[in-house]
Protein backbone atom coordinates (compact mmCIF):
# COMPACT_ATOMS: atom_id res chain seq x y z
CA UNK A 1 201.48 -47.05 313.76
CA UNK A 2 198.85 -49.22 312.08
CA UNK A 3 196.65 -49.30 315.15
CA UNK A 4 196.31 -45.52 315.03
CA UNK A 5 195.18 -45.73 311.39
CA UNK A 6 192.71 -48.57 311.67
CA UNK A 7 189.61 -46.43 311.92
CA UNK A 8 190.65 -44.29 308.97
CA UNK A 9 191.72 -46.95 306.44
CA UNK A 10 189.56 -48.73 303.92
CA UNK A 11 189.89 -52.46 303.33
CA UNK A 12 192.26 -51.82 300.43
CA UNK A 13 194.31 -49.39 302.49
CA UNK A 14 194.68 -51.93 305.32
CA UNK A 15 196.01 -54.40 302.84
CA UNK A 16 198.42 -51.84 301.39
CA UNK A 17 199.72 -50.81 304.79
CA UNK A 18 200.46 -54.39 305.77
CA UNK A 19 202.03 -55.19 302.40
CA UNK A 20 204.17 -52.10 302.80
CA UNK A 21 205.61 -53.56 305.98
CA UNK A 22 205.92 -57.04 304.50
CA UNK A 23 207.71 -55.63 301.48
CA UNK A 24 210.33 -54.07 303.70
CA UNK A 25 210.34 -50.30 303.80
CA UNK A 26 209.96 -47.07 301.95
CA UNK A 27 213.46 -46.34 300.78
CA UNK A 28 213.09 -42.64 300.71
CA UNK A 29 213.30 -40.51 303.84
CA UNK A 30 209.89 -39.05 304.69
CA UNK A 31 209.95 -36.15 307.07
CA UNK A 32 207.51 -35.13 309.78
CA UNK A 33 207.13 -31.51 310.76
CA UNK A 34 207.87 -30.84 314.43
CA UNK A 35 208.09 -27.51 316.18
CA UNK A 36 211.48 -28.32 317.65
CA UNK A 37 213.05 -30.03 314.63
CA UNK A 38 216.00 -28.81 312.61
CA UNK A 39 216.61 -29.68 309.01
CA UNK A 40 218.37 -33.03 308.87
CA UNK A 41 220.97 -33.33 306.12
CA UNK A 42 222.28 -36.69 304.93
CA UNK A 43 226.03 -37.03 305.39
CA UNK A 44 228.60 -38.14 302.83
CA UNK A 45 231.97 -39.66 303.61
CA UNK A 46 233.42 -40.39 300.16
CA UNK A 47 233.13 -39.13 296.61
CA UNK A 48 231.16 -41.44 294.29
CA UNK A 49 233.43 -43.76 292.34
CA UNK A 50 231.05 -44.05 289.39
CA UNK A 51 231.19 -41.27 286.76
CA UNK A 52 228.11 -39.03 286.96
CA UNK A 53 227.06 -40.03 283.43
CA UNK A 54 226.38 -43.57 284.69
CA UNK A 55 223.92 -42.52 287.37
CA UNK A 56 220.17 -42.88 286.77
CA UNK A 57 220.67 -45.16 283.78
CA UNK A 58 218.58 -48.17 284.83
CA UNK A 59 215.97 -47.56 282.15
CA UNK A 60 212.65 -45.75 281.93
CA UNK A 61 209.66 -46.82 283.99
CA UNK A 62 205.97 -45.93 283.82
CA UNK A 63 204.25 -46.50 287.16
CA UNK A 64 200.95 -45.20 285.80
CA UNK A 65 200.79 -48.33 283.62
CA UNK A 66 200.80 -50.34 286.86
CA UNK A 67 198.57 -48.35 289.23
CA UNK A 68 196.67 -45.92 286.97
CA UNK A 69 196.54 -42.12 286.86
CA UNK A 70 197.43 -40.48 290.17
CA UNK A 71 198.96 -37.24 291.40
CA UNK A 72 202.05 -38.95 292.80
CA UNK A 73 204.05 -42.15 292.31
CA UNK A 74 206.67 -44.18 294.13
CA UNK A 75 209.02 -46.90 292.92
CA UNK A 76 211.85 -48.67 294.69
CA UNK A 77 214.10 -51.49 293.48
CA UNK A 78 214.36 -53.06 296.91
CA UNK A 79 216.67 -55.98 296.12
CA UNK A 80 219.00 -53.44 294.45
CA UNK A 81 219.43 -51.27 297.51
CA UNK A 82 219.62 -54.42 299.66
CA UNK A 83 222.99 -55.15 298.07
CA UNK A 84 224.30 -52.94 300.85
CA UNK A 85 224.87 -55.30 303.79
CA UNK A 86 223.50 -52.93 306.44
CA UNK A 87 220.29 -52.37 304.47
CA UNK A 88 219.87 -56.09 303.82
CA UNK A 89 220.29 -56.83 307.50
CA UNK A 90 217.58 -54.34 308.44
CA UNK A 91 215.14 -55.61 305.81
CA UNK A 92 215.72 -59.21 306.82
CA UNK A 93 215.23 -58.19 310.45
CA UNK A 94 211.85 -56.64 309.57
CA UNK A 95 210.82 -59.86 307.84
CA UNK A 96 211.93 -61.91 310.85
CA UNK A 97 209.98 -59.69 313.19
CA UNK A 98 206.87 -60.15 311.08
CA UNK A 99 207.31 -63.91 311.14
CA UNK A 100 208.07 -64.31 307.44
CA UNK A 101 211.85 -64.41 307.51
CA UNK A 102 211.95 -68.15 306.80
CA UNK A 103 209.33 -69.04 304.21
CA UNK A 104 209.02 -72.61 302.93
CA UNK A 105 208.65 -71.22 299.40
CA UNK A 106 212.26 -70.00 299.73
CA UNK A 107 211.57 -66.30 299.22
CA UNK A 108 213.59 -63.71 301.09
CA UNK A 109 212.29 -60.16 300.92
CA UNK A 110 215.69 -58.45 300.69
CA UNK A 111 216.88 -60.78 297.93
CA UNK A 112 213.77 -61.47 295.87
CA UNK A 113 211.57 -58.35 296.03
CA UNK A 114 212.70 -56.72 292.80
CA UNK A 115 210.38 -53.74 292.56
CA UNK A 116 207.65 -51.99 294.45
CA UNK A 117 205.42 -49.52 292.60
CA UNK A 118 202.69 -47.47 294.23
CA UNK A 119 200.73 -44.27 294.01
CA UNK A 120 201.92 -41.77 296.58
CA UNK A 121 200.69 -38.66 298.33
CA UNK A 122 201.41 -36.57 301.41
CA UNK A 123 198.72 -35.04 303.59
CA UNK A 124 199.68 -32.29 306.01
CA UNK A 125 197.35 -31.05 308.71
CA UNK A 126 197.67 -28.92 311.83
CA UNK A 127 197.10 -30.85 315.04
CA UNK A 128 194.60 -29.22 317.43
CA UNK A 129 196.46 -27.72 320.38
CA UNK A 130 194.73 -30.02 322.88
CA UNK A 131 195.96 -33.10 320.96
CA UNK A 132 199.61 -32.05 320.52
CA UNK A 133 202.37 -34.17 322.01
CA UNK A 134 205.96 -32.96 322.40
CA UNK A 135 204.93 -29.66 320.79
CA UNK A 136 204.30 -31.37 317.45
CA UNK A 137 202.18 -28.79 315.68
CA UNK A 138 201.74 -30.56 312.34
CA UNK A 139 201.07 -34.16 311.37
CA UNK A 140 202.10 -35.71 308.08
CA UNK A 141 200.42 -38.83 306.76
CA UNK A 142 201.08 -40.93 303.67
CA UNK A 143 198.63 -42.07 301.06
CA UNK A 144 199.75 -45.18 299.17
CA UNK A 145 196.70 -47.39 298.82
CA UNK A 146 197.56 -49.10 295.53
CA UNK A 147 200.65 -51.10 294.82
CA UNK A 148 202.32 -53.74 292.71
CA UNK A 149 205.11 -55.91 294.15
CA UNK A 150 207.27 -57.86 291.73
CA UNK A 151 209.39 -60.77 293.00
CA UNK A 152 212.09 -62.76 291.24
CA UNK A 153 210.48 -66.08 292.29
CA UNK A 154 207.04 -67.36 293.17
CA UNK A 155 205.64 -66.40 296.57
CA UNK A 156 203.12 -68.60 298.34
CA UNK A 157 200.79 -65.88 299.62
CA UNK A 158 198.78 -68.39 301.62
CA UNK A 159 201.92 -69.24 303.59
CA UNK A 160 202.63 -65.54 304.10
CA UNK A 161 199.08 -65.03 305.40
CA UNK A 162 199.49 -67.90 307.86
CA UNK A 163 202.90 -66.90 309.17
CA UNK A 164 202.60 -63.12 309.50
CA UNK A 165 202.49 -62.00 313.13
CA UNK A 166 199.29 -60.02 312.68
CA UNK A 167 199.09 -58.99 316.34
CA UNK A 168 201.96 -56.58 315.80
CA UNK A 169 200.08 -54.92 312.96
CA UNK A 170 196.29 -54.95 313.23
CA UNK A 171 193.43 -56.28 315.29
CA UNK A 172 191.89 -59.75 314.82
CA UNK A 173 189.04 -58.59 312.56
CA UNK A 174 191.35 -56.79 310.17
CA UNK A 175 193.84 -59.66 310.27
CA UNK A 176 191.13 -62.02 309.03
CA UNK A 177 190.22 -59.68 306.17
CA UNK A 178 193.80 -59.09 305.08
CA UNK A 179 194.76 -62.73 305.50
CA UNK A 180 191.85 -63.72 303.27
CA UNK A 181 192.91 -61.25 300.62
CA UNK A 182 196.44 -62.60 300.66
CA UNK A 183 195.27 -66.21 300.34
CA UNK A 184 193.21 -65.23 297.30
CA UNK A 185 196.47 -64.34 295.52
CA UNK A 186 197.57 -67.98 295.42
CA UNK A 187 201.19 -68.45 294.32
CA UNK A 188 202.72 -65.84 292.04
CA UNK A 189 205.68 -63.56 291.44
CA UNK A 190 203.44 -60.48 291.42
CA UNK A 191 201.21 -59.13 294.14
CA UNK A 192 198.85 -56.61 292.58
CA UNK A 193 196.55 -54.43 294.65
CA UNK A 194 195.02 -51.96 292.24
CA UNK A 195 191.38 -50.95 292.06
CA UNK A 196 189.90 -49.16 289.07
CA UNK A 197 189.60 -45.86 290.93
CA UNK A 198 192.15 -43.19 290.03
CA UNK A 199 192.94 -39.84 291.66
CA UNK A 200 190.06 -37.41 291.50
CA UNK A 201 192.38 -34.53 290.69
CA UNK A 202 193.92 -33.70 287.35
CA UNK A 203 197.55 -33.40 288.39
CA UNK A 204 198.58 -36.80 287.05
CA UNK A 205 199.87 -35.11 283.88
CA UNK A 206 202.26 -33.10 286.07
CA UNK A 207 203.43 -36.27 287.80
CA UNK A 208 204.00 -38.00 284.45
CA UNK A 209 206.03 -35.06 283.13
CA UNK A 210 208.20 -34.82 286.25
CA UNK A 211 208.81 -38.57 286.62
CA UNK A 212 211.41 -38.92 283.79
CA UNK A 213 213.52 -36.13 285.34
CA UNK A 214 214.26 -38.27 288.41
CA UNK A 215 213.67 -41.77 287.01
CA UNK A 216 216.31 -44.39 286.30
CA UNK A 217 217.65 -44.88 289.83
CA UNK A 218 217.01 -47.29 292.67
CA UNK A 219 214.30 -45.08 294.16
CA UNK A 220 211.97 -42.64 292.42
CA UNK A 221 209.25 -40.49 293.94
CA UNK A 222 207.07 -37.62 292.71
CA UNK A 223 204.26 -35.88 294.56
CA UNK A 224 202.53 -32.47 294.87
CA UNK A 225 203.61 -30.00 297.55
CA UNK A 226 200.36 -28.09 297.90
CA UNK A 227 200.18 -29.06 301.56
CA UNK A 228 203.22 -26.92 302.37
CA UNK A 229 201.07 -23.80 302.05
CA UNK A 230 199.14 -24.95 305.14
CA UNK A 231 202.17 -24.27 307.35
CA UNK A 232 201.62 -21.04 309.25
CA UNK A 233 203.98 -18.20 308.40
CA UNK A 234 204.83 -17.79 312.10
CA UNK A 235 205.83 -21.43 312.51
CA UNK A 236 209.28 -21.73 314.08
CA UNK A 237 210.04 -18.15 313.06
CA UNK A 238 213.05 -18.08 315.39
CA UNK A 239 214.71 -20.89 313.43
CA UNK A 240 216.26 -19.33 310.34
CA UNK A 241 217.17 -22.68 308.82
CA UNK A 242 213.66 -24.07 309.17
CA UNK A 243 212.05 -20.91 307.85
CA UNK A 244 214.37 -20.91 304.83
CA UNK A 245 213.57 -24.47 303.78
CA UNK A 246 209.85 -24.08 304.49
CA UNK A 247 209.98 -21.02 302.24
CA UNK A 248 211.39 -23.17 299.45
CA UNK A 249 208.70 -25.82 299.95
CA UNK A 250 205.90 -23.26 299.96
CA UNK A 251 207.07 -21.96 296.59
CA UNK A 252 207.06 -25.39 294.94
CA UNK A 253 204.13 -26.98 293.20
CA UNK A 254 205.64 -30.44 292.79
CA UNK A 255 208.74 -32.30 293.89
CA UNK A 256 210.58 -35.23 292.36
CA UNK A 257 213.21 -37.27 294.22
CA UNK A 258 215.55 -39.82 292.71
CA UNK A 259 218.24 -41.83 294.48
CA UNK A 260 220.62 -44.15 292.68
CA UNK A 261 223.35 -46.43 293.99
CA UNK A 262 226.31 -48.29 292.56
CA UNK A 263 226.48 -52.05 292.20
CA UNK A 264 227.51 -52.47 295.83
CA UNK A 265 224.93 -49.95 297.11
CA UNK A 266 227.79 -48.19 298.90
CA UNK A 267 227.90 -44.88 297.05
CA UNK A 268 224.73 -43.03 296.12
CA UNK A 269 223.57 -40.03 294.14
CA UNK A 270 220.63 -37.76 294.88
CA UNK A 271 218.56 -35.92 292.28
CA UNK A 272 215.95 -33.44 293.55
CA UNK A 273 213.65 -31.67 291.06
CA UNK A 274 211.40 -28.80 292.14
CA UNK A 275 208.55 -27.35 290.09
CA UNK A 276 207.89 -23.69 290.99
CA UNK A 277 204.42 -22.43 291.73
CA UNK A 278 202.50 -20.87 288.90
CA UNK A 279 203.59 -17.28 288.43
CA UNK A 280 207.07 -17.89 289.85
CA UNK A 281 210.11 -18.31 287.64
CA UNK A 282 212.64 -21.09 287.97
CA UNK A 283 215.35 -18.45 288.43
CA UNK A 284 213.56 -17.11 291.51
CA UNK A 285 213.23 -20.63 292.93
CA UNK A 286 216.85 -21.42 292.07
CA UNK A 287 217.99 -18.40 294.09
CA UNK A 288 215.86 -19.57 297.02
CA UNK A 289 217.41 -23.03 296.91
CA UNK A 290 220.92 -21.58 296.74
CA UNK A 291 220.11 -19.31 299.69
CA UNK A 292 218.76 -22.27 301.67
CA UNK A 293 221.95 -24.23 300.98
CA UNK A 294 224.05 -21.25 302.06
CA UNK A 295 221.99 -20.89 305.24
CA UNK A 296 222.48 -24.58 305.97
CA UNK A 297 226.24 -24.28 305.50
CA UNK A 298 226.36 -21.26 307.78
CA UNK A 299 224.51 -23.18 310.47
CA UNK A 300 227.09 -25.98 310.47
CA UNK A 301 229.62 -24.35 312.72
CA UNK A 302 231.92 -26.34 314.95
CA UNK A 303 231.65 -25.73 318.65
CA UNK A 304 234.88 -25.63 320.63
CA UNK A 305 233.31 -28.11 323.02
CA UNK A 306 232.37 -30.55 320.24
CA UNK A 307 233.77 -34.04 320.38
CA UNK A 308 235.93 -35.43 317.59
CA UNK A 309 233.00 -37.51 316.36
CA UNK A 310 230.76 -34.44 316.22
CA UNK A 311 233.40 -32.45 314.36
CA UNK A 312 233.82 -35.22 311.80
CA UNK A 313 230.07 -35.37 311.31
CA UNK A 314 229.85 -31.63 310.74
CA UNK A 315 232.76 -31.81 308.28
CA UNK A 316 230.99 -34.62 306.41
CA UNK A 317 227.75 -32.63 306.24
CA UNK A 318 229.58 -29.58 304.97
CA UNK A 319 231.36 -31.64 302.32
CA UNK A 320 228.07 -33.10 301.11
CA UNK A 321 226.32 -29.73 300.93
CA UNK A 322 229.25 -27.99 299.26
CA UNK A 323 229.20 -30.62 296.51
CA UNK A 324 225.52 -30.08 295.65
CA UNK A 325 224.98 -28.76 292.13
CA UNK A 326 221.93 -26.56 291.47
CA UNK A 327 220.70 -25.80 287.96
CA UNK A 328 217.56 -25.38 285.87
CA UNK A 329 216.26 -27.87 283.33
CA UNK A 330 213.73 -27.42 280.55
CA UNK A 331 211.18 -30.27 280.65
CA UNK A 332 208.03 -29.90 278.52
CA UNK A 333 204.95 -27.78 277.95
CA UNK A 334 203.24 -29.14 281.07
CA UNK A 335 206.00 -28.21 283.51
CA UNK A 336 208.21 -25.91 281.43
CA UNK A 337 211.30 -25.65 283.70
CA UNK A 338 212.37 -27.19 287.00
CA UNK A 339 215.16 -26.54 289.49
CA UNK A 340 217.40 -29.58 289.82
CA UNK A 341 219.74 -30.21 292.77
CA UNK A 342 222.18 -33.10 292.47
CA UNK A 343 224.98 -34.51 294.55
CA UNK A 344 226.41 -37.59 296.29
CA UNK A 345 224.81 -38.84 299.47
CA UNK A 346 225.87 -41.37 302.05
CA UNK A 347 224.56 -44.85 301.31
CA UNK A 348 223.13 -45.03 304.81
CA UNK A 349 220.40 -42.63 303.71
CA UNK A 350 219.22 -45.32 301.34
CA UNK A 351 216.95 -44.88 303.21
CA UNK A 352 215.22 -46.89 305.79
CA UNK A 353 211.65 -46.16 306.79
CA UNK A 354 210.48 -43.49 309.18
CA UNK A 355 207.05 -44.97 309.74
CA UNK A 356 206.56 -44.06 313.38
């Protein structure tokens, strides 16, 4: 993945991309738009044991104090979600593969990386027909070139620079640059990669207003959805489910996503907040979301030839979707109202990276 980005990334962005992999993973599912995809819905096997009032109560955060004014932000409490054994195993496996699973300074990424804060943005573009593979018509890229990693103990960044298997990430020239930057950090609990430059746009006030709606969990993410309007109206027109959800996205100006988990990271709760486009009411958007949920439920029909495992999976999906609660929430003068969708999700969606 990094090799395909090398020519497009600045020095700071190279450093961020590598630190992203060292840190573990984005813990929110990021989708790519493919012509033959269907909407993928996280499954749920059990009702959350924690009362709803206890969700999203980890305290307020202000990522703009860490990385400046931007149009989108991301925060994950990585050691919190790594309380789930399966997640911890994956994160430790990533560290092992990078060559930093056994650091002399005693740091383990899944145990000691307390928080990861970054700016965040999505860029959607249509792939020229001659360059398409597997009928992938659109390409989605991430922008997260500033970040702050907070550990519970001191990290020897010189040791990290020496031990990272750079050949799996970047070429020799970029490895030397990034390794030098890491060594400059010395030994510290905080790795800060923030330049003075902020977003050129003025949407950071929208991001700041939306952030508290989904904050307080293990993962929080807000970003603009302007790119959705670039999707052609004839895209996948024979797929009613895809068209329905794309219709929702195209009528949203901003999206906020929050995921929280219990103390064992075994049961999770999703909070999705959508800001309608200017000129559209929250009631109109709410009806669209409800229609999209109904369309999704209607698409989950058991086939007589389905195996028992497939039938159980469909039943789990239906149970999750049926438990979603959709409502409107008054926020402030900047956003006015948002459409909020909440419900329990399977802990396995907590949410390992889709970086390919």
